[in-house]
């Protein structure tokens, strides 16, 4: 059993070696990757990025046979920059000695298109695929990079997992700036690379993002007549909240960063109050501790914890902004007709004391039954709603997280 360690509350990022828990979820992801690549979807601030960074960190620190490399794709401006995102991270990893890649295809392509002759060792390589010569050869450059990784010096049966974080946001930004054709070409390229390498079974992908690949694909199909099935070699995984034990352990770590209780013996009770109010979501647990530090001099009590939770739900600030973004995503990524039906469903569910059947929602809303059904299914797929079935196989819906339901009731319903 690990001992708690001091951890300052933050709603930002932390180093991978300080990320609390998630070992059960990491093992689940490993099991999924045994058979296929994975798409990780969930709403913002559920802990996806820190989870994946810890997954990659542990694979290297524990010298596991199947290692992972994390790449951040948000902000990549165009297809010509894709390969340099990969190369820049690989240069960093190569210096640690565990990644041995000859990059022979990349060198061969680079020499061919630049007319130069480079024979650099990988760790010293300085070439860039953003040169003008590669503007029309970005697909060949990216393919060469991934195939070189597949050919790396490794034990038989070893696989390398490439984690592409915020890939959907990158693609959405391309679509929004008139580069939908590039987005479709890149998705098709990833699929083609996967199938060309499937016999060697040396590469896996994890695609992650807070807006969801389904949103991106829906936009491409609706507005650009995209008919590809670029992710049919993947399986979906939704990151759950922290386990109860991990959430309590996180509280113990945060508490060691100069907090105190009004009643010393109530510490465990206060930790349970925090984790239950925050649905075991690490971002909001951190937010409660942060508010108790700044507004209550680091004092935990039943009153200060409830005031901190109310501040998250009603005050302006970084935590409140997360809920606001959940609201704004509906108008950003969906049509006005879809959004109206979604808002109608969420308003009723925010006021409901228990899950509502789909039929009850259709009866109380003025939308076409098909519109209401599509809205509910979309909200369920986007992880805002939970769906259950009764003994008659009737669908029932409710907010997935009580914290989000409480915010919606206070601010939107």
Protein backbone atom coordinates (compact mmCIF):
# COMPACT_ATOMS: atom_id res chain seq x y z
CA UNK A 1 0.00 0.00 0.00
CA UNK A 2 1.39 3.40 -1.00
CA UNK A 3 1.65 6.09 1.63
CA UNK A 4 0.03 9.51 0.98
CA UNK A 5 2.41 12.21 -0.22
CA UNK A 6 1.97 16.00 -0.12
CA UNK A 7 0.17 17.28 -3.20
CA UNK A 8 -0.77 20.91 -3.69
CA UNK A 9 -4.34 21.37 -4.93
CA UNK A 10 -4.46 22.46 -8.54
CA UNK A 11 -6.97 22.57 -11.35
CA UNK A 12 -4.12 22.46 -13.84
CA UNK A 13 -1.64 19.77 -14.79
CA UNK A 14 0.82 17.89 -12.59
CA UNK A 15 3.82 15.68 -13.29
CA UNK A 16 3.06 12.12 -14.34
CA UNK A 17 4.76 10.60 -11.29
CA UNK A 18 2.39 12.51 -8.99
CA UNK A 19 -0.89 11.44 -10.62
CA UNK A 20 -2.93 9.60 -7.99
CA UNK A 21 -4.41 6.14 -8.55
CA UNK A 22 -5.97 4.96 -11.82
CA UNK A 23 -4.08 1.65 -11.77
CA UNK A 24 -7.26 -0.38 -12.30
CA UNK A 25 -8.19 1.78 -15.28
CA UNK A 26 -4.64 1.52 -16.65
CA UNK A 27 -4.86 -2.28 -16.50
CA UNK A 28 -8.23 -2.13 -18.28
CA UNK A 29 -6.73 -0.02 -21.07
CA UNK A 30 -3.83 -2.47 -21.38
CA UNK A 31 -6.28 -5.32 -21.83
CA UNK A 32 -8.16 -3.46 -24.55
CA UNK A 33 -4.92 -2.67 -26.37
CA UNK A 34 -4.04 -6.35 -26.50
CA UNK A 35 -6.61 -6.74 -29.26
CA UNK A 36 -7.08 -3.36 -30.96
CA UNK A 37 -6.54 0.39 -30.91
CA UNK A 38 -8.73 2.50 -28.62
CA UNK A 39 -10.76 5.72 -28.80
CA UNK A 40 -11.05 7.41 -25.40
CA UNK A 41 -13.98 9.83 -25.22
CA UNK A 42 -15.35 11.85 -22.32
CA UNK A 43 -16.32 15.39 -21.39
CA UNK A 44 -13.75 17.94 -20.27
CA UNK A 45 -11.89 17.70 -16.98
CA UNK A 46 -12.61 14.05 -16.31
CA UNK A 47 -8.87 13.37 -15.97
CA UNK A 48 -8.21 11.85 -19.42
CA UNK A 49 -4.91 13.59 -20.13
CA UNK A 50 -3.33 12.89 -16.74
CA UNK A 51 -4.56 9.30 -16.95
CA UNK A 52 -2.93 8.78 -20.35
CA UNK A 53 0.27 10.54 -19.30
CA UNK A 54 0.53 8.24 -16.28
CA UNK A 55 -0.22 5.24 -18.49
CA UNK A 56 2.70 6.17 -20.77
CA UNK A 57 4.98 7.12 -17.85
CA UNK A 58 4.50 3.80 -16.03
CA UNK A 59 5.03 1.79 -19.21
CA UNK A 60 8.52 3.30 -19.45
CA UNK A 61 9.43 3.54 -15.76
CA UNK A 62 8.42 -0.09 -15.16
CA UNK A 63 10.23 -1.15 -18.33
CA UNK A 64 7.11 -2.91 -19.57
CA UNK A 65 7.44 -4.81 -22.84
CA UNK A 66 4.61 -2.81 -24.43
CA UNK A 67 5.49 0.85 -23.97
CA UNK A 68 3.48 3.96 -24.80
CA UNK A 69 4.36 7.45 -26.02
CA UNK A 70 2.12 10.46 -25.40
CA UNK A 71 1.65 13.13 -28.09
CA UNK A 72 -0.38 16.35 -27.82
CA UNK A 73 -2.01 17.26 -31.14
CA UNK A 74 -4.07 20.30 -30.14
CA UNK A 75 -2.75 23.37 -31.92
CA UNK A 76 -1.15 21.45 -34.79
CA UNK A 77 -1.97 23.90 -37.58
CA UNK A 78 -1.91 21.69 -40.66
CA UNK A 79 -1.08 18.29 -42.10
CA UNK A 80 2.45 19.42 -42.97
CA UNK A 81 3.21 19.76 -39.23
CA UNK A 82 1.99 16.30 -38.20
CA UNK A 83 5.25 14.43 -38.63
CA UNK A 84 7.26 17.03 -36.75
CA UNK A 85 4.92 16.61 -33.77
CA UNK A 86 5.91 12.94 -33.79
CA UNK A 87 9.62 13.56 -34.40
CA UNK A 88 9.97 16.21 -31.70
CA UNK A 89 8.55 13.89 -29.05
CA UNK A 90 10.59 10.93 -30.28
CA UNK A 91 13.79 12.94 -30.02
CA UNK A 92 13.02 13.50 -26.36
CA UNK A 93 12.19 9.84 -25.74
CA UNK A 94 15.21 8.61 -27.71
CA UNK A 95 17.57 10.35 -25.30
CA UNK A 96 16.30 8.10 -22.49
CA UNK A 97 17.69 5.03 -24.19
CA UNK A 98 14.65 2.75 -24.28
CA UNK A 99 13.50 3.65 -27.79
CA UNK A 100 15.72 2.38 -30.56
CA UNK A 101 14.50 3.52 -33.98
CA UNK A 102 16.58 3.68 -37.11
CA UNK A 103 14.22 6.09 -38.94
CA UNK A 104 15.49 4.62 -42.21
CA UNK A 105 12.33 5.37 -44.21
CA UNK A 106 12.28 8.95 -42.94
CA UNK A 107 15.91 9.49 -43.93
CA UNK A 108 15.36 7.93 -47.34
CA UNK A 109 12.33 10.13 -48.03
CA UNK A 110 14.06 13.22 -46.69
CA UNK A 111 17.14 12.65 -48.84
CA UNK A 112 14.99 12.00 -51.91
CA UNK A 113 12.91 15.14 -51.62
CA UNK A 114 15.60 17.57 -50.45
CA UNK A 115 18.36 16.28 -52.69
CA UNK A 116 20.66 15.97 -49.67
CA UNK A 117 22.43 13.00 -48.15
CA UNK A 118 22.03 12.69 -44.40
CA UNK A 119 23.37 9.79 -42.38
CA UNK A 120 22.65 11.15 -38.93
CA UNK A 121 22.04 8.96 -35.92
CA UNK A 122 18.47 9.17 -34.73
CA UNK A 123 19.12 11.09 -31.52
CA UNK A 124 21.01 13.75 -33.46
CA UNK A 125 18.62 14.02 -36.37
CA UNK A 126 17.68 17.60 -37.17
CA UNK A 127 15.60 17.30 -40.33
CA UNK A 128 12.13 18.80 -40.45
CA UNK A 129 9.18 17.67 -42.52
CA UNK A 130 7.69 21.18 -42.57
CA UNK A 131 10.04 22.25 -45.36
CA UNK A 132 8.40 23.38 -48.64
CA UNK A 133 9.46 20.14 -50.33
CA UNK A 134 7.04 18.21 -48.13
CA UNK A 135 3.90 20.30 -48.61
CA UNK A 136 2.50 17.74 -51.04
CA UNK A 137 4.31 14.75 -49.49
CA UNK A 138 2.99 14.93 -45.93
CA UNK A 139 1.24 11.56 -46.22
CA UNK A 140 4.46 9.84 -47.28
CA UNK A 141 6.36 11.57 -44.47
CA UNK A 142 3.85 10.59 -41.77
CA UNK A 143 3.60 7.02 -43.04
CA UNK A 144 7.41 6.70 -43.10
CA UNK A 145 7.58 7.90 -39.50
CA UNK A 146 4.99 5.42 -38.20
CA UNK A 147 6.41 2.53 -40.22
CA UNK A 148 9.89 3.28 -38.87
CA UNK A 149 8.44 3.04 -35.37
CA UNK A 150 6.90 -0.31 -36.26
CA UNK A 151 10.33 -1.53 -37.42
CA UNK A 152 12.15 -0.40 -34.27
CA UNK A 153 14.56 -2.75 -32.54
CA UNK A 154 12.36 -4.64 -30.09
CA UNK A 155 11.66 -8.08 -28.74
CA UNK A 156 9.35 -10.32 -30.73
CA UNK A 157 5.71 -9.67 -29.90
CA UNK A 158 6.36 -6.24 -28.38
CA UNK A 159 4.00 -3.45 -29.35
CA UNK A 160 4.27 0.32 -29.10
CA UNK A 161 1.19 2.41 -28.26
CA UNK A 162 1.00 5.92 -29.73
CA UNK A 163 -1.33 8.19 -27.76
CA UNK A 164 -2.76 11.05 -29.83
CA UNK A 165 -4.35 13.40 -27.31
CA UNK A 166 -6.84 16.07 -28.42
CA UNK A 167 -6.89 14.65 -31.92
CA UNK A 168 -10.62 15.50 -32.32
CA UNK A 169 -10.05 19.16 -31.40
CA UNK A 170 -7.23 19.39 -33.92
CA UNK A 171 -9.48 17.94 -36.62
CA UNK A 172 -12.37 20.22 -35.65
CA UNK A 173 -10.11 23.26 -35.92
CA UNK A 174 -9.06 22.13 -39.37
CA UNK A 175 -12.67 21.70 -40.44
CA UNK A 176 -13.57 25.13 -39.04
CA UNK A 177 -10.74 26.80 -40.99
CA UNK A 178 -11.54 25.30 -44.38
CA UNK A 179 -9.26 22.25 -44.16
CA UNK A 180 -11.90 19.53 -43.97
CA UNK A 181 -10.29 17.73 -46.93
CA UNK A 182 -7.06 17.45 -44.94
CA UNK A 183 -8.96 16.12 -41.92
CA UNK A 184 -10.59 13.40 -44.03
CA UNK A 185 -7.31 12.54 -45.73
CA UNK A 186 -5.55 12.18 -42.37
CA UNK A 187 -8.26 9.93 -40.95
CA UNK A 188 -8.08 7.75 -44.04
CA UNK A 189 -4.28 7.66 -43.78
CA UNK A 190 -4.41 6.46 -40.17
CA UNK A 191 -6.78 3.68 -41.17
CA UNK A 192 -4.60 2.67 -44.11
CA UNK A 193 -1.46 2.63 -41.96
CA UNK A 194 -3.20 0.45 -39.42
CA UNK A 195 -4.20 -2.10 -42.03
CA UNK A 196 -0.79 -2.11 -43.68
CA UNK A 197 0.82 -2.86 -40.30
CA UNK A 198 -1.77 -5.23 -38.87
CA UNK A 199 0.14 -8.38 -39.80
CA UNK A 200 3.23 -7.27 -37.89
CA UNK A 201 1.01 -6.23 -34.94
CA UNK A 202 3.64 -3.78 -33.68
CA UNK A 203 1.66 -0.53 -33.34
CA UNK A 204 -1.46 0.49 -31.41
CA UNK A 205 -3.16 3.89 -31.30
CA UNK A 206 -5.10 5.64 -28.56
CA UNK A 207 -7.12 8.59 -29.86
CA UNK A 208 -8.39 10.91 -27.14
CA UNK A 209 -10.37 14.13 -26.98
CA UNK A 210 -13.00 15.98 -25.01
CA UNK A 211 -15.31 16.74 -27.94
CA UNK A 212 -15.41 13.14 -29.13
CA UNK A 213 -14.50 11.61 -32.48
CA UNK A 214 -18.19 10.97 -33.16
CA UNK A 215 -18.81 14.71 -33.21
CA UNK A 216 -16.03 15.22 -35.74
CA UNK A 217 -17.18 12.35 -37.94
CA UNK A 218 -20.78 13.54 -37.76
CA UNK A 219 -19.69 16.98 -38.97
CA UNK A 220 -17.67 15.53 -41.83
CA UNK A 221 -20.51 13.26 -42.93
CA UNK A 222 -23.17 15.96 -42.71
CA UNK A 223 -21.31 18.92 -44.22
CA UNK A 224 -18.67 17.26 -46.39
CA UNK A 225 -20.30 13.96 -47.44
CA UNK A 226 -17.56 11.91 -45.83
CA UNK A 227 -18.42 8.23 -46.16
CA UNK A 228 -15.27 6.68 -44.70
CA UNK A 229 -15.18 4.41 -41.65
CA UNK A 230 -11.83 5.56 -40.28
CA UNK A 231 -12.22 4.10 -36.79
CA UNK A 232 -13.61 0.65 -37.48
CA UNK A 233 -10.38 -0.87 -36.14
CA UNK A 234 -10.86 0.72 -32.70
CA UNK A 235 -12.93 0.12 -29.59
CA UNK A 236 -14.38 2.89 -27.39
CA UNK A 237 -13.37 3.33 -23.78
CA UNK A 238 -14.91 5.81 -21.35
CA UNK A 239 -12.80 6.77 -18.35
CA UNK A 240 -14.87 6.32 -15.18
CA UNK A 241 -14.61 8.53 -12.09
CA UNK A 242 -11.93 7.58 -9.59
CA UNK A 243 -12.62 4.56 -7.42
CA UNK A 244 -13.70 5.38 -3.90
CA UNK A 245 -10.31 4.36 -2.50
CA UNK A 246 -8.40 6.44 -5.06
CA UNK A 247 -10.58 9.49 -4.39
CA UNK A 248 -10.02 9.23 -0.63
CA UNK A 249 -6.29 8.74 -1.22
CA UNK A 250 -6.24 11.91 -3.33
CA UNK A 251 -7.87 13.78 -0.42
CA UNK A 252 -5.22 12.42 1.94
CA UNK A 253 -2.44 13.66 -0.33
CA UNK A 254 -4.01 17.10 -0.72
CA UNK A 255 -4.60 17.33 3.04
CA UNK A 256 -0.87 16.94 3.67
CA UNK A 257 -0.34 20.26 1.88
CA UNK A 258 -0.99 22.40 5.01
CA UNK A 259 -4.68 21.70 5.64
CA UNK A 260 -6.37 21.07 8.95
CA UNK A 261 -9.81 20.02 10.21
CA UNK A 262 -11.95 21.89 12.71
CA UNK A 263 -12.41 18.53 14.46
CA UNK A 264 -9.41 16.23 13.99
CA UNK A 265 -11.41 13.02 14.28
CA UNK A 266 -13.72 14.12 11.44
CA UNK A 267 -11.06 13.98 8.73
CA UNK A 268 -12.33 10.75 7.16
CA UNK A 269 -15.92 12.05 7.30
CA UNK A 270 -14.89 15.27 5.56
CA UNK A 271 -13.02 13.35 2.86
CA UNK A 272 -16.15 11.32 2.18
CA UNK A 273 -18.22 14.52 2.04
CA UNK A 274 -15.85 15.94 -0.57
CA UNK A 275 -15.62 12.84 -2.75
CA UNK A 276 -19.39 12.25 -2.71
CA UNK A 277 -20.16 15.87 -3.59
CA UNK A 278 -17.62 15.73 -6.43
CA UNK A 279 -18.67 12.31 -7.76
CA UNK A 280 -15.07 11.08 -7.28
CA UNK A 281 -13.92 13.38 -10.09
CA UNK A 282 -10.32 14.46 -9.37
CA UNK A 283 -10.58 17.91 -10.96
CA UNK A 284 -13.41 18.97 -8.67
CA UNK A 285 -11.85 17.37 -5.59
CA UNK A 286 -8.81 19.55 -6.25
CA UNK A 287 -11.10 22.54 -6.74
CA UNK A 288 -12.75 22.04 -3.32
CA UNK A 289 -9.38 21.91 -1.58
CA UNK A 290 -8.16 24.93 -3.54
CA UNK A 291 -11.19 27.01 -2.50
CA UNK A 292 -10.89 25.88 1.12
CA UNK A 293 -7.29 27.07 1.05
CA UNK A 294 -7.89 30.46 -0.53
CA UNK A 295 -11.20 31.34 1.15
CA UNK A 296 -11.02 29.46 4.45
CA UNK A 297 -7.30 29.43 5.32
CA UNK A 298 -6.99 25.71 4.63
CA UNK A 299 -9.66 24.72 7.15
CA UNK A 300 -11.88 21.72 6.39
CA UNK A 301 -15.26 21.55 8.07
CA UNK A 302 -18.73 20.51 7.02
CA UNK A 303 -19.52 24.19 6.44
CA UNK A 304 -16.38 25.17 4.51
CA UNK A 305 -16.67 22.12 2.26
CA UNK A 306 -20.30 22.87 1.39
CA UNK A 307 -19.43 26.52 0.76
CA UNK A 308 -16.60 25.42 -1.53
CA UNK A 309 -18.93 23.14 -3.49
CA UNK A 310 -21.48 25.98 -3.81
CA UNK A 311 -18.72 28.28 -5.02
CA UNK A 312 -17.82 25.75 -7.72
CA UNK A 313 -21.46 25.66 -8.81
CA UNK A 314 -22.32 29.35 -8.66
CA UNK A 315 -19.23 31.59 -8.60
CA UNK A 316 -17.23 32.58 -11.64
CA UNK A 317 -13.89 30.84 -11.78
CA UNK A 318 -11.99 28.01 -13.42
CA UNK A 319 -14.23 25.25 -12.02
CA UNK A 320 -17.43 27.12 -12.93
CA UNK A 321 -16.04 27.63 -16.42
CA UNK A 322 -15.87 23.86 -16.91
CA UNK A 323 -19.64 23.60 -16.46
CA UNK A 324 -20.14 26.58 -18.75
CA UNK A 325 -18.09 24.83 -21.43
CA UNK A 326 -20.36 21.78 -21.14
CA UNK A 327 -23.22 24.13 -21.94
CA UNK A 328 -21.42 25.91 -24.77
CA UNK A 329 -20.34 22.66 -26.43
CA UNK A 330 -23.98 21.98 -27.30
CA UNK A 331 -24.24 25.16 -29.36
CA UNK A 332 -20.71 24.83 -30.76
CA UNK A 333 -20.80 21.28 -32.08
CA UNK A 334 -24.47 20.69 -32.89
CA UNK A 335 -27.13 22.31 -35.05
CA UNK A 336 -29.66 24.73 -33.55
CA UNK A 337 -32.48 22.18 -33.90
CA UNK A 338 -30.46 19.52 -32.09
CA UNK A 339 -29.47 21.99 -29.39
CA UNK A 340 -33.08 23.02 -28.66
CA UNK A 341 -34.12 19.42 -28.10
CA UNK A 342 -31.06 18.76 -25.92
CA UNK A 343 -31.76 21.80 -23.76
CA UNK A 344 -35.35 20.69 -23.35
CA UNK A 345 -34.29 17.23 -22.16
CA UNK A 346 -31.64 18.58 -19.79
CA UNK A 347 -34.02 21.12 -18.25
CA UNK A 348 -36.57 18.44 -17.38
CA UNK A 349 -33.96 16.02 -16.09
CA UNK A 350 -32.29 18.70 -13.93
CA UNK A 351 -35.59 19.21 -12.08
CA UNK A 352 -36.53 15.54 -11.87
CA UNK A 353 -36.09 13.68 -8.59
CA UNK A 354 -35.37 10.38 -10.32
CA UNK A 355 -34.58 9.05 -13.83
CA UNK A 356 -37.28 9.78 -16.42
CA UNK A 357 -38.48 7.38 -19.07
CA UNK A 358 -38.01 8.32 -22.69
CA UNK A 359 -41.77 8.26 -23.18
CA UNK A 360 -42.31 10.71 -20.31
CA UNK A 361 -39.76 13.08 -21.78
CA UNK A 362 -41.37 12.89 -25.22
CA UNK A 363 -44.77 13.61 -23.69
CA UNK A 364 -43.61 16.70 -21.80
CA UNK A 365 -41.59 18.17 -24.68
CA UNK A 366 -43.01 19.82 -27.78
CA UNK A 367 -40.43 18.37 -30.16
CA UNK A 368 -40.94 15.63 -32.69
CA UNK A 369 -40.48 12.21 -31.05
CA UNK A 370 -37.56 11.45 -33.34
CA UNK A 371 -35.84 14.73 -32.37
CA UNK A 372 -36.21 13.97 -28.68
CA UNK A 373 -34.91 10.44 -29.13
CA UNK A 374 -31.87 11.68 -31.08
CA UNK A 375 -31.19 14.36 -28.45
CA UNK A 376 -31.28 11.82 -25.62
CA UNK A 377 -29.04 9.37 -27.47
CA UNK A 378 -26.54 12.11 -28.29
CA UNK A 379 -26.41 13.33 -24.70
CA UNK A 380 -25.96 9.75 -23.54
CA UNK A 381 -23.16 9.12 -26.05
CA UNK A 382 -21.53 12.40 -24.97
CA UNK A 383 -21.46 11.15 -21.36
CA UNK A 384 -23.74 13.90 -20.00
CA UNK A 385 -26.56 11.43 -19.36
CA UNK A 386 -26.76 7.89 -18.00
CA UNK A 387 -29.19 5.40 -19.54
CA UNK A 388 -30.86 2.50 -17.75
CA UNK A 389 -33.62 -0.01 -18.54
CA UNK A 390 -36.50 -1.18 -16.37
CA UNK A 391 -38.07 -4.65 -16.27
CA UNK A 392 -40.07 -3.81 -19.41
CA UNK A 393 -36.93 -2.74 -21.32
CA UNK A 394 -38.08 0.88 -21.22
CA UNK A 395 -35.25 3.39 -21.51
CA UNK A 396 -34.75 5.82 -18.62
CA UNK A 397 -32.39 8.79 -18.55
CA UNK A 398 -30.74 10.89 -15.84
CA UNK A 399 -27.69 13.10 -15.46
CA UNK A 400 -24.61 10.92 -15.22
CA UNK A 401 -23.09 13.11 -12.50
CA UNK A 402 -25.10 14.68 -9.68
CA UNK A 403 -22.63 17.59 -9.57
CA UNK A 404 -23.40 18.51 -13.18
CA UNK A 405 -27.12 18.04 -12.55
CA UNK A 406 -26.91 20.41 -9.60
CA UNK A 407 -25.09 23.03 -11.70
CA UNK A 408 -27.62 22.72 -14.51
CA UNK A 409 -30.55 23.08 -12.11
CA UNK A 410 -29.02 26.15 -10.44
CA UNK A 411 -27.90 27.90 -13.60
CA UNK A 412 -29.86 26.66 -16.62
CA UNK A 413 -33.15 25.00 -15.66
